[in-house]
Protein backbone atom coordinates (compact mmCIF):
# COMPACT_ATOMS: atom_id res chain seq x y z
CA UNK A 1 -11.44 2.87 -14.46
CA UNK A 2 -7.90 1.56 -13.62
CA UNK A 3 -6.16 1.90 -10.64
CA UNK A 4 -3.03 3.80 -12.50
CA UNK A 5 -5.95 6.25 -13.44
CA UNK A 6 -7.05 6.82 -10.36
CA UNK A 7 -3.73 7.24 -8.72
CA UNK A 8 -2.71 9.48 -11.47
CA UNK A 9 -5.78 11.90 -10.89
CA UNK A 10 -5.74 11.88 -7.42
CA UNK A 11 -2.04 12.75 -7.04
CA UNK A 12 -2.51 15.42 -9.49
CA UNK A 13 -3.78 17.26 -6.32
CA UNK A 14 -2.03 17.52 -3.13
CA UNK A 15 -1.98 13.82 -2.35
CA UNK A 16 0.66 11.31 -3.86
CA UNK A 17 -0.62 7.95 -4.01
CA UNK A 18 1.27 4.86 -5.47
CA UNK A 19 0.80 0.94 -4.71
CA UNK A 20 3.04 -1.70 -4.51
CA UNK A 21 2.84 -5.28 -2.73
CA UNK A 22 5.59 -7.88 -1.64
CA UNK A 23 4.89 -9.46 -5.00
CA UNK A 24 5.68 -6.97 -7.86
CA UNK A 25 4.93 -7.16 -11.48
CA UNK A 26 7.08 -4.26 -12.27
CA UNK A 27 10.37 -3.52 -10.29
CA UNK A 28 9.88 -0.13 -10.73
CA UNK A 29 7.17 -0.74 -7.95
CA UNK A 30 9.34 -2.28 -5.51
CA UNK A 31 8.73 -0.88 -1.90
CA UNK A 32 11.74 0.75 0.15
CA UNK A 33 13.19 -1.20 3.30
CA UNK A 34 10.54 0.77 5.62
CA UNK A 35 7.34 -0.15 3.57
CA UNK A 36 8.34 -3.64 3.21
CA UNK A 37 8.49 -4.26 6.57
CA UNK A 38 5.17 -2.74 7.05
CA UNK A 39 4.10 -5.15 4.15
CA UNK A 40 5.46 -8.07 6.11
CA UNK A 41 3.40 -7.12 9.04
CA UNK A 42 0.25 -6.88 7.11
CA UNK A 43 0.81 -10.17 5.74
CA UNK A 44 1.37 -11.60 9.59
CA UNK A 45 -2.12 -9.73 10.31
CA UNK A 46 -3.59 -11.29 7.65
CA UNK A 47 -2.57 -14.72 8.57
CA UNK A 48 -3.67 -14.10 12.08
CA UNK A 49 -7.16 -13.52 10.76
CA UNK A 50 -7.49 -9.78 10.43
CA UNK A 51 -9.79 -8.87 7.93
CA UNK A 52 -7.87 -7.44 5.24
CA UNK A 53 -9.94 -4.45 4.84
CA UNK A 54 -9.10 -3.73 8.09
CA UNK A 55 -5.58 -3.58 7.67
CA UNK A 56 -3.31 -0.11 7.90
CA UNK A 57 -0.87 1.69 8.71
CA UNK A 58 -0.68 5.22 9.71
CA UNK A 59 2.72 7.32 10.28
CA UNK A 60 3.71 10.89 10.63
CA UNK A 61 7.26 10.97 9.30
CA UNK A 62 9.53 14.10 9.30
CA UNK A 63 8.84 14.62 5.49
CA UNK A 64 5.04 13.81 5.56
CA UNK A 65 2.25 11.76 6.72
CA UNK A 66 1.38 8.54 5.41
CA UNK A 67 -1.36 5.96 5.37
CA UNK A 68 -0.57 2.29 4.34
CA UNK A 69 -3.58 0.63 3.48
CA UNK A 70 -4.12 -3.19 2.23
CA UNK A 71 -6.27 -3.77 -0.52
CA UNK A 72 -8.45 -6.60 -0.82
CA UNK A 73 -8.29 -8.57 -4.04
CA UNK A 74 -10.22 -11.23 -5.58
CA UNK A 75 -8.47 -14.52 -6.86
CA UNK A 76 -5.73 -14.44 -9.63
């Protein structure tokens, strides 16, 4: 199963799921300023030795509750 299919399946419910990174292949997946600052913090936490699988950010904003989670990947 591919990640876009999983995101679409779960976004059809009450959740909105999306993916982005600091290095996007598709310009339409570019992070906004708020999310980009979180991704930069994730990168710093990774450099400081925190396991990628443990890196996440939760925040309640006026419009919704947000969970941003790092996804470990293999070598390219």
